[in-house]
């Protein structure tokens, strides 16, 4: 994706647009939650829709969840095309 970079932020690998706006973080057992997941920006309404549809795979992450970010468990057999679409949506949400 254009103008993206990765660097640690808050102890996690984090992806940014134009070095400033985080759009995706990789979290491994954040504060002992037992999840290997990404937290990412999401279009309005997407978080609620996905969490309600499949709470085993999707969740509201702490801190950023109140801003509509989506938690996606990577240890639940997520389809790679679905994951790519979620990451592209996160990028578009923060790049615009």
PDB file of N, CA and C in Angstrom:
ATOM      1  N   UNK A   1       0.844  -1.166   0.000  1.00  0.00           N
ATOM      2  CA  UNK A   1       0.000   0.000   0.000  1.00  0.00           C
ATOM      3  C   UNK A   1       0.901   1.244   0.000  1.00  0.00           C
ATOM      4  N   UNK A   2       0.532   2.242  -0.764  1.00  0.00           N
ATOM      5  CA  UNK A   2       1.382   3.422  -0.901  1.00  0.00           C
ATOM      6  C   UNK A   2       1.587   4.164   0.417  1.00  0.00           C
ATOM      7  N   UNK A   3       2.774   4.685   0.568  1.00  0.00           N
ATOM      8  CA  UNK A   3       3.141   5.553   1.691  1.00  0.00           C
ATOM      9  C   UNK A   3       2.923   4.890   3.056  1.00  0.00           C
ATOM     10  N   UNK A   4       3.209   3.596   3.150  1.00  0.00           N
ATOM     11  CA  UNK A   4       3.091   2.909   4.439  1.00  0.00           C
ATOM     12  C   UNK A   4       4.466   2.601   4.999  1.00  0.00           C
ATOM     13  N   UNK A   5       4.493   2.461   6.318  1.00  0.00           N
ATOM     14  CA  UNK A   5       5.725   2.090   7.004  1.00  0.00           C
ATOM     15  C   UNK A   5       5.332   1.282   8.230  1.00  0.00           C
ATOM     16  N   UNK A   6       6.314   0.602   8.791  1.00  0.00           N
ATOM     17  CA  UNK A   6       6.084  -0.203   9.994  1.00  0.00           C
ATOM     18  C   UNK A   6       7.161   0.128  11.009  1.00  0.00           C
ATOM     19  N   UNK A   7       6.741   0.277  12.266  1.00  0.00           N
ATOM     20  CA  UNK A   7       7.674   0.466  13.365  1.00  0.00           C
ATOM     21  C   UNK A   7       6.946   0.088  14.654  1.00  0.00           C
ATOM     22  N   UNK A   8       7.691  -0.234  15.692  1.00  0.00           N
ATOM     23  CA  UNK A   8       7.030  -0.539  16.968  1.00  0.00           C
ATOM     24  C   UNK A   8       6.320   0.688  17.537  1.00  0.00           C
ATOM     25  N   UNK A   9       5.164   0.458  18.088  1.00  0.00           N
ATOM     26  CA  UNK A   9       4.427   1.497  18.796  1.00  0.00           C
ATOM     27  C   UNK A   9       3.691   0.819  19.946  1.00  0.00           C
ATOM     28  N   UNK A  10       3.867   1.341  21.124  1.00  0.00           N
ATOM     29  CA  UNK A  10       3.270   0.737  22.320  1.00  0.00           C
ATOM     30  C   UNK A  10       3.654  -0.734  22.439  1.00  0.00           C
ATOM     31  N   UNK A  11       4.870  -1.063  22.028  1.00  0.00           N
ATOM     32  CA  UNK A  11       5.388  -2.411  22.159  1.00  0.00           C
ATOM     33  C   UNK A  11       4.915  -3.398  21.114  1.00  0.00           C
ATOM     34  N   UNK A  12       4.253  -2.938  20.073  1.00  0.00           N
ATOM     35  CA  UNK A  12       3.726  -3.849  19.051  1.00  0.00           C
ATOM     36  C   UNK A  12       4.106  -3.369  17.655  1.00  0.00           C
ATOM     37  N   UNK A  13       4.330  -4.311  16.725  1.00  0.00           N
ATOM     38  CA  UNK A  13       4.540  -3.905  15.340  1.00  0.00           C
ATOM     39  C   UNK A  13       3.291  -3.158  14.849  1.00  0.00           C
ATOM     40  N   UNK A  14       3.504  -1.959  14.319  1.00  0.00           N
ATOM     41  CA  UNK A  14       2.384  -1.106  13.921  1.00  0.00           C
ATOM     42  C   UNK A  14       2.648  -0.551  12.530  1.00  0.00           C
ATOM     43  N   UNK A  15       1.609  -0.514  11.725  1.00  0.00           N
ATOM     44  CA  UNK A  15       1.707  -0.019  10.360  1.00  0.00           C
ATOM     45  C   UNK A  15       1.051   1.356  10.280  1.00  0.00           C
ATOM     46  N   UNK A  16       1.742   2.271   9.586  1.00  0.00           N
ATOM     47  CA  UNK A  16       1.337   3.669   9.512  1.00  0.00           C
ATOM     48  C   UNK A  16       1.164   4.117   8.067  1.00  0.00           C
ATOM     49  N   UNK A  17       0.320   5.117   7.869  1.00  0.00           N
ATOM     50  CA  UNK A  17       0.185   5.814   6.594  1.00  0.00           C
ATOM     51  C   UNK A  17       0.934   7.134   6.739  1.00  0.00           C
ATOM     52  N   UNK A  18       1.798   7.406   5.787  1.00  0.00           N
ATOM     53  CA  UNK A  18       2.594   8.639   5.772  1.00  0.00           C
ATOM     54  C   UNK A  18       3.329   8.879   7.096  1.00  0.00           C
ATOM     55  N   UNK A  19       3.830   7.807   7.701  1.00  0.00           N
ATOM     56  CA  UNK A  19       4.630   7.868   8.934  1.00  0.00           C
ATOM     57  C   UNK A  19       3.868   8.405  10.139  1.00  0.00           C
ATOM     58  N   UNK A  20       2.574   8.702  10.012  1.00  0.00           N
ATOM     59  CA  UNK A  20       1.857   9.375  11.086  1.00  0.00           C
ATOM     60  C   UNK A  20       0.644   8.627  11.597  1.00  0.00           C
ATOM     61  N   UNK A  21      -0.200   8.144  10.735  1.00  0.00           N
ATOM     62  CA  UNK A  21      -1.503   7.613  11.125  1.00  0.00           C
ATOM     63  C   UNK A  21      -1.485   6.090  11.172  1.00  0.00           C
ATOM     64  N   UNK A  22      -1.547   5.539  12.366  1.00  0.00           N
ATOM     65  CA  UNK A  22      -1.571   4.074  12.519  1.00  0.00           C
ATOM     66  C   UNK A  22      -2.866   3.525  11.934  1.00  0.00           C
ATOM     67  N   UNK A  23      -2.745   2.386  11.232  1.00  0.00           N
ATOM     68  CA  UNK A  23      -3.948   1.741  10.717  1.00  0.00           C
ATOM     69  C   UNK A  23      -4.048   0.275  11.102  1.00  0.00           C
ATOM     70  N   UNK A  24      -2.956  -0.326  11.576  1.00  0.00           N
ATOM     71  CA  UNK A  24      -2.995  -1.737  11.946  1.00  0.00           C
ATOM     72  C   UNK A  24      -1.865  -2.051  12.920  1.00  0.00           C
ATOM     73  N   UNK A  25      -2.209  -2.802  13.962  1.00  0.00           N
ATOM     74  CA  UNK A  25      -1.224  -3.235  14.962  1.00  0.00           C
ATOM     75  C   UNK A  25      -1.303  -4.757  15.085  1.00  0.00           C
ATOM     76  N   UNK A  26      -0.164  -5.400  15.280  1.00  0.00           N
ATOM     77  CA  UNK A  26      -0.119  -6.843  15.512  1.00  0.00           C
ATOM     78  C   UNK A  26       0.085  -7.060  17.006  1.00  0.00           C
ATOM     79  N   UNK A  27      -0.855  -7.731  17.636  1.00  0.00           N
ATOM     80  CA  UNK A  27      -0.828  -7.918  19.083  1.00  0.00           C
ATOM     81  C   UNK A  27      -0.703  -9.399  19.428  1.00  0.00           C
ATOM     82  N   UNK A  28       0.225  -9.710  20.308  1.00  0.00           N
ATOM     83  CA  UNK A  28       0.443 -11.092  20.741  1.00  0.00           C
ATOM     84  C   UNK A  28       0.304 -11.164  22.255  1.00  0.00           C
ATOM     85  N   UNK A  29      -0.825 -11.684  22.712  1.00  0.00           N
ATOM     86  CA  UNK A  29      -1.093 -11.859  24.140  1.00  0.00           C
ATOM     87  C   UNK A  29      -1.045 -10.521  24.885  1.00  0.00           C
ATOM     88  N   UNK A  30      -1.720  -9.527  24.345  1.00  0.00           N
ATOM     89  CA  UNK A  30      -1.730  -8.182  24.933  1.00  0.00           C
ATOM     90  C   UNK A  30      -2.252  -8.239  26.370  1.00  0.00           C
ATOM     91  N   UNK A  31      -1.403  -7.838  27.301  1.00  0.00           N
ATOM     92  CA  UNK A  31      -1.740  -7.861  28.736  1.00  0.00           C
ATOM     93  C   UNK A  31      -2.340  -9.196  29.168  1.00  0.00           C
ATOM     94  N   UNK A  32      -1.835 -10.292  28.582  1.00  0.00           N
ATOM     95  CA  UNK A  32      -2.265 -11.629  28.978  1.00  0.00           C
ATOM     96  C   UNK A  32      -3.642 -12.042  28.477  1.00  0.00           C
ATOM     97  N   UNK A  33      -4.122 -11.425  27.398  1.00  0.00           N
ATOM     98  CA  UNK A  33      -5.464 -11.759  26.914  1.00  0.00           C
ATOM     99  C   UNK A  33      -5.523 -13.082  26.151  1.00  0.00           C
ATOM    100  N   UNK A  34      -4.357 -13.686  25.857  1.00  0.00           N
ATOM    101  CA  UNK A  34      -4.327 -14.977  25.179  1.00  0.00           C
ATOM    102  C   UNK A  34      -4.605 -14.932  23.690  1.00  0.00           C
ATOM    103  N   UNK A  35      -4.676 -13.758  23.117  1.00  0.00           N
ATOM    104  CA  UNK A  35      -4.995 -13.628  21.690  1.00  0.00           C
ATOM    105  C   UNK A  35      -3.745 -13.312  20.869  1.00  0.00           C
ATOM    106  N   UNK A  36      -3.666 -13.934  19.702  1.00  0.00           N
ATOM    107  CA  UNK A  36      -2.748 -13.498  18.651  1.00  0.00           C
ATOM    108  C   UNK A  36      -3.661 -12.843  17.629  1.00  0.00           C
ATOM    109  N   UNK A  37      -3.540 -11.521  17.465  1.00  0.00           N
ATOM    110  CA  UNK A  37      -4.550 -10.788  16.705  1.00  0.00           C
ATOM    111  C   UNK A  37      -3.974  -9.531  16.078  1.00  0.00           C
ATOM    112  N   UNK A  38      -4.778  -8.951  15.208  1.00  0.00           N
ATOM    113  CA  UNK A  38      -4.516  -7.587  14.757  1.00  0.00           C
ATOM    114  C   UNK A  38      -5.613  -6.700  15.308  1.00  0.00           C
ATOM    115  N   UNK A  39      -5.258  -5.457  15.554  1.00  0.00           N
ATOM    116  CA  UNK A  39      -6.217  -4.394  15.841  1.00  0.00           C
ATOM    117  C   UNK A  39      -6.096  -3.444  14.669  1.00  0.00           C
ATOM    118  N   UNK A  40      -7.212  -3.062  14.069  1.00  0.00           N
ATOM    119  CA  UNK A  40      -7.108  -2.200  12.898  1.00  0.00           C
ATOM    120  C   UNK A  40      -8.282  -1.240  12.802  1.00  0.00           C
ATOM    121  N   UNK A  41      -8.030  -0.144  12.120  1.00  0.00           N
ATOM    122  CA  UNK A  41      -9.084   0.813  11.829  1.00  0.00           C
ATOM    123  C   UNK A  41     -10.138   0.109  10.984  1.00  0.00           C
ATOM    124  N   UNK A  42     -11.385   0.525  11.130  1.00  0.00           N
ATOM    125  CA  UNK A  42     -12.466  -0.105  10.365  1.00  0.00           C
ATOM    126  C   UNK A  42     -13.480   0.952   9.952  1.00  0.00           C
ATOM    127  N   UNK A  43     -14.114   0.747   8.808  1.00  0.00           N
ATOM    128  CA  UNK A  43     -15.165   1.669   8.389  1.00  0.00           C
ATOM    129  C   UNK A  43     -16.297   1.696   9.419  1.00  0.00           C
ATOM    130  N   UNK A  44     -16.998   2.786   9.487  1.00  0.00           N
ATOM    131  CA  UNK A  44     -18.090   2.939  10.446  1.00  0.00           C
ATOM    132  C   UNK A  44     -19.091   1.789  10.330  1.00  0.00           C
ATOM    133  N   UNK A  45     -19.421   1.203  11.453  1.00  0.00           N
ATOM    134  CA  UNK A  45     -20.389   0.111  11.509  1.00  0.00           C
ATOM    135  C   UNK A  45     -19.803  -1.274  11.309  1.00  0.00           C
ATOM    136  N   UNK A  46     -18.608  -1.356  10.753  1.00  0.00           N
ATOM    137  CA  UNK A  46     -18.002  -2.661  10.458  1.00  0.00           C
ATOM    138  C   UNK A  46     -17.679  -3.432  11.729  1.00  0.00           C
ATOM    139  N   UNK A  47     -17.129  -2.755  12.732  1.00  0.00           N
ATOM    140  CA  UNK A  47     -16.775  -3.419  13.980  1.00  0.00           C
ATOM    141  C   UNK A  47     -17.988  -4.131  14.571  1.00  0.00           C
ATOM    142  N   UNK A  48     -19.058  -3.405  14.756  1.00  0.00           N
ATOM    143  CA  UNK A  48     -20.253  -3.983  15.371  1.00  0.00           C
ATOM    144  C   UNK A  48     -20.798  -5.139  14.543  1.00  0.00           C
ATOM    145  N   UNK A  49     -20.853  -4.971  13.235  1.00  0.00           N
ATOM    146  CA  UNK A  49     -21.390  -6.010  12.363  1.00  0.00           C
ATOM    147  C   UNK A  49     -20.583  -7.304  12.468  1.00  0.00           C
ATOM    148  N   UNK A  50     -19.248  -7.197  12.389  1.00  0.00           N
ATOM    149  CA  UNK A  50     -18.418  -8.394  12.412  1.00  0.00           C
ATOM    150  C   UNK A  50     -18.375  -9.051  13.792  1.00  0.00           C
ATOM    151  N   UNK A  51     -18.312  -8.249  14.845  1.00  0.00           N
ATOM    152  CA  UNK A  51     -18.287  -8.813  16.205  1.00  0.00           C
ATOM    153  C   UNK A  51     -19.587  -9.555  16.484  1.00  0.00           C
ATOM    154  N   UNK A  52     -20.702  -8.992  16.076  1.00  0.00           N
ATOM    155  CA  UNK A  52     -21.986  -9.669  16.280  1.00  0.00           C
ATOM    156  C   UNK A  52     -22.098 -10.934  15.435  1.00  0.00           C
ATOM    157  N   UNK A  53     -21.563 -10.900  14.209  1.00  0.00           N
ATOM    158  CA  UNK A  53     -21.665 -12.043  13.300  1.00  0.00           C
ATOM    159  C   UNK A  53     -20.775 -13.210  13.719  1.00  0.00           C
ATOM    160  N   UNK A  54     -19.573 -12.920  14.252  1.00  0.00           N
ATOM    161  CA  UNK A  54     -18.634 -13.993  14.598  1.00  0.00           C
ATOM    162  C   UNK A  54     -17.733 -13.561  15.756  1.00  0.00           C
ATOM    163  N   UNK A  55     -18.273 -13.580  16.988  1.00  0.00           N
ATOM    164  CA  UNK A  55     -17.487 -13.120  18.146  1.00  0.00           C
ATOM    165  C   UNK A  55     -16.314 -14.029  18.509  1.00  0.00           C
ATOM    166  N   UNK A  56     -16.230 -15.205  17.911  1.00  0.00           N
ATOM    167  CA  UNK A  56     -15.077 -16.071  18.138  1.00  0.00           C
ATOM    168  C   UNK A  56     -13.861 -15.566  17.371  1.00  0.00           C
ATOM    169  N   UNK A  57     -14.111 -14.876  16.279  1.00  0.00           N
ATOM    170  CA  UNK A  57     -13.040 -14.391  15.402  1.00  0.00           C
ATOM    171  C   UNK A  57     -12.785 -12.892  15.568  1.00  0.00           C
ATOM    172  N   UNK A  58     -13.839 -12.122  15.815  1.00  0.00           N
ATOM    173  CA  UNK A  58     -13.741 -10.668  15.876  1.00  0.00           C
ATOM    174  C   UNK A  58     -14.089 -10.172  17.273  1.00  0.00           C
ATOM    175  N   UNK A  59     -13.468  -9.062  17.682  1.00  0.00           N
ATOM    176  CA  UNK A  59     -13.711  -8.508  19.008  1.00  0.00           C
ATOM    177  C   UNK A  59     -13.451  -7.007  19.003  1.00  0.00           C
ATOM    178  N   UNK A  60     -13.932  -6.358  20.059  1.00  0.00           N
ATOM    179  CA  UNK A  60     -13.689  -4.934  20.258  1.00  0.00           C
ATOM    180  C   UNK A  60     -12.406  -4.813  21.074  1.00  0.00           C
ATOM    181  N   UNK A  61     -11.336  -4.277  20.484  1.00  0.00           N
ATOM    182  CA  UNK A  61     -10.076  -4.188  21.212  1.00  0.00           C
ATOM    183  C   UNK A  61     -10.108  -3.077  22.275  1.00  0.00           C
ATOM    184  N   UNK A  62      -9.337  -3.265  23.348  1.00  0.00           N
ATOM    185  CA  UNK A  62      -9.269  -2.202  24.348  1.00  0.00           C
ATOM    186  C   UNK A  62      -8.617  -0.943  23.757  1.00  0.00           C
ATOM    187  N   UNK A  63      -8.859   0.177  24.401  1.00  0.00           N
ATOM    188  CA  UNK A  63      -8.282   1.482  24.040  1.00  0.00           C
ATOM    189  C   UNK A  63      -8.835   2.039  22.730  1.00  0.00           C
ATOM    190  N   UNK A  64      -8.617   1.357  21.624  1.00  0.00           N
ATOM    191  CA  UNK A  64      -9.002   1.884  20.310  1.00  0.00           C
ATOM    192  C   UNK A  64     -10.377   1.409  19.853  1.00  0.00           C
ATOM    193  N   UNK A  65     -10.939   0.452  20.539  1.00  0.00           N
ATOM    194  CA  UNK A  65     -12.259  -0.060  20.179  1.00  0.00           C
ATOM    195  C   UNK A  65     -13.347   0.995  20.253  1.00  0.00           C
ATOM    196  N   UNK A  66     -13.201   1.942  21.159  1.00  0.00           N
ATOM    197  CA  UNK A  66     -14.197   3.013  21.283  1.00  0.00           C
ATOM    198  C   UNK A  66     -14.191   3.938  20.068  1.00  0.00           C
ATOM    199  N   UNK A  67     -13.116   3.877  19.278  1.00  0.00           N
ATOM    200  CA  UNK A  67     -13.038   4.677  18.040  1.00  0.00           C
ATOM    201  C   UNK A  67     -13.398   3.850  16.811  1.00  0.00           C
ATOM    202  N   UNK A  68     -13.988   2.672  17.043  1.00  0.00           N
ATOM    203  CA  UNK A  68     -14.450   1.846  15.933  1.00  0.00           C
ATOM    204  C   UNK A  68     -13.442   0.843  15.405  1.00  0.00           C
ATOM    205  N   UNK A  69     -12.254   0.769  16.029  1.00  0.00           N
ATOM    206  CA  UNK A  69     -11.272  -0.196  15.560  1.00  0.00           C
ATOM    207  C   UNK A  69     -11.777  -1.613  15.804  1.00  0.00           C
ATOM    208  N   UNK A  70     -11.282  -2.536  15.006  1.00  0.00           N
ATOM    209  CA  UNK A  70     -11.705  -3.927  15.027  1.00  0.00           C
ATOM    210  C   UNK A  70     -10.552  -4.820  15.479  1.00  0.00           C
ATOM    211  N   UNK A  71     -10.836  -5.772  16.331  1.00  0.00           N
ATOM    212  CA  UNK A  71      -9.877  -6.807  16.689  1.00  0.00           C
ATOM    213  C   UNK A  71     -10.169  -8.051  15.873  1.00  0.00           C
ATOM    214  N   UNK A  72      -9.126  -8.652  15.301  1.00  0.00           N
ATOM    215  CA  UNK A  72      -9.280  -9.839  14.459  1.00  0.00           C
ATOM    216  C   UNK A  72      -8.311 -10.906  14.951  1.00  0.00           C
ATOM    217  N   UNK A  73      -8.845 -12.012  15.446  1.00  0.00           N
ATOM    218  CA  UNK A  73      -7.990 -13.108  15.908  1.00  0.00           C
ATOM    219  C   UNK A  73      -7.359 -13.804  14.715  1.00  0.00           C
ATOM    220  N   UNK A  74      -6.048 -13.977  14.772  1.00  0.00           N
ATOM    221  CA  UNK A  74      -5.321 -14.635  13.688  1.00  0.00           C
ATOM    222  C   UNK A  74      -5.175 -16.132  13.928  1.00  0.00           C
ATOM    223  N   UNK A  75      -5.614 -16.592  15.086  1.00  0.00           N
ATOM    224  CA  UNK A  75      -5.501 -18.010  15.426  1.00  0.00           C
ATOM    225  C   UNK A  75      -6.842 -18.731  15.304  1.00  0.00           C
ATOM    226  N   UNK A  76      -7.739 -18.206  14.499  1.00  0.00           N
ATOM    227  CA  UNK A  76      -9.064 -18.786  14.342  1.00  0.00           C
ATOM    228  C   UNK A  76      -9.385 -19.180  12.904  1.00  0.00           C
ATOM    229  N   UNK A  77      -8.373 -19.426  12.105  1.00  0.00           N
ATOM    230  CA  UNK A  77      -8.590 -19.914  10.744  1.00  0.00           C
ATOM    231  C   UNK A  77      -9.161 -18.875   9.791  1.00  0.00           C
ATOM    232  N   UNK A  78      -8.752 -17.637   9.937  1.00  0.00           N
ATOM    233  CA  UNK A  78      -9.221 -16.574   9.060  1.00  0.00           C
ATOM    234  C   UNK A  78      -8.724 -16.802   7.637  1.00  0.00           C
ATOM    235  N   UNK A  79      -9.593 -16.589   6.694  1.00  0.00           N
ATOM    236  CA  UNK A  79      -9.250 -16.695   5.284  1.00  0.00           C
ATOM    237  C   UNK A  79      -8.310 -15.558   4.903  1.00  0.00           C
ATOM    238  N   UNK A  80      -7.247 -15.860   4.157  1.00  0.00           N
ATOM    239  CA  UNK A  80      -6.247 -14.844   3.799  1.00  0.00           C
ATOM    240  C   UNK A  80      -6.846 -13.721   2.961  1.00  0.00           C
ATOM    241  N   UNK A  81      -7.791 -14.048   2.073  1.00  0.00           N
ATOM    242  CA  UNK A  81      -8.431 -13.001   1.274  1.00  0.00           C
ATOM    243  C   UNK A  81      -9.263 -12.074   2.165  1.00  0.00           C
ATOM    244  N   UNK A  82      -9.931 -12.659   3.163  1.00  0.00           N
ATOM    245  CA  UNK A  82     -10.703 -11.857   4.107  1.00  0.00           C
ATOM    246  C   UNK A  82      -9.774 -10.944   4.906  1.00  0.00           C
ATOM    247  N   UNK A  83      -8.656 -11.492   5.360  1.00  0.00           N
ATOM    248  CA  UNK A  83      -7.687 -10.701   6.115  1.00  0.00           C
ATOM    249  C   UNK A  83      -7.118  -9.565   5.260  1.00  0.00           C
ATOM    250  N   UNK A  84      -6.806  -9.852   4.002  1.00  0.00           N
ATOM    251  CA  UNK A  84      -6.291  -8.817   3.095  1.00  0.00           C
ATOM    252  C   UNK A  84      -7.321  -7.704   2.922  1.00  0.00           C
ATOM    253  N   UNK A  85      -8.580  -8.059   2.774  1.00  0.00           N
ATOM    254  CA  UNK A  85      -9.639  -7.058   2.630  1.00  0.00           C
ATOM    255  C   UNK A  85      -9.777  -6.191   3.872  1.00  0.00           C
ATOM    256  N   UNK A  86      -9.670  -6.798   5.046  1.00  0.00           N
ATOM    257  CA  UNK A  86      -9.750  -6.054   6.305  1.00  0.00           C
ATOM    258  C   UNK A  86      -8.577  -5.081   6.406  1.00  0.00           C
ATOM    259  N   UNK A  87      -7.373  -5.537   6.046  1.00  0.00           N
ATOM    260  CA  UNK A  87      -6.190  -4.667   6.089  1.00  0.00           C
ATOM    261  C   UNK A  87      -6.315  -3.526   5.077  1.00  0.00           C
ATOM    262  N   UNK A  88      -6.829  -3.815   3.893  1.00  0.00           N
ATOM    263  CA  UNK A  88      -7.016  -2.767   2.877  1.00  0.00           C
ATOM    264  C   UNK A  88      -8.046  -1.739   3.336  1.00  0.00           C
ATOM    265  N   UNK A  89      -9.118  -2.206   3.979  1.00  0.00           N
ATOM    266  CA  UNK A  89     -10.124  -1.285   4.513  1.00  0.00           C
ATOM    267  C   UNK A  89      -9.522  -0.399   5.604  1.00  0.00           C
ATOM    268  N   UNK A  90      -8.686  -0.998   6.460  1.00  0.00           N
ATOM    269  CA  UNK A  90      -8.035  -0.226   7.532  1.00  0.00           C
ATOM    270  C   UNK A  90      -7.157   0.865   6.944  1.00  0.00           C
ATOM    271  N   UNK A  91      -6.378   0.500   5.945  1.00  0.00           N
ATOM    272  CA  UNK A  91      -5.520   1.480   5.272  1.00  0.00           C
ATOM    273  C   UNK A  91      -6.358   2.615   4.671  1.00  0.00           C
ATOM    274  N   UNK A  92      -7.401   2.255   3.947  1.00  0.00           N
ATOM    275  CA  UNK A  92      -8.246   3.259   3.293  1.00  0.00           C
ATOM    276  C   UNK A  92      -8.908   4.183   4.312  1.00  0.00           C
ATOM    277  N   UNK A  93      -9.276   3.614   5.443  1.00  0.00           N
ATOM    278  CA  UNK A  93      -9.916   4.402   6.500  1.00  0.00           C
ATOM    279  C   UNK A  93      -8.993   5.490   7.034  1.00  0.00           C
ATOM    280  N   UNK A  94      -7.727   5.186   7.145  1.00  0.00           N
ATOM    281  CA  UNK A  94      -6.772   6.143   7.729  1.00  0.00           C
ATOM    282  C   UNK A  94      -6.045   6.982   6.666  1.00  0.00           C
ATOM    283  N   UNK A  95      -5.999   6.504   5.422  1.00  0.00           N
ATOM    284  CA  UNK A  95      -5.291   7.243   4.371  1.00  0.00           C
ATOM    285  C   UNK A  95      -6.120   8.401   3.837  1.00  0.00           C
ATOM    286  N   UNK A  96      -7.424   8.283   3.940  1.00  0.00           N
ATOM    287  CA  UNK A  96      -8.320   9.271   3.348  1.00  0.00           C
ATOM    288  C   UNK A  96      -8.479  10.518   4.069  1.00  0.00           C
TER     289      UNK A  96
END
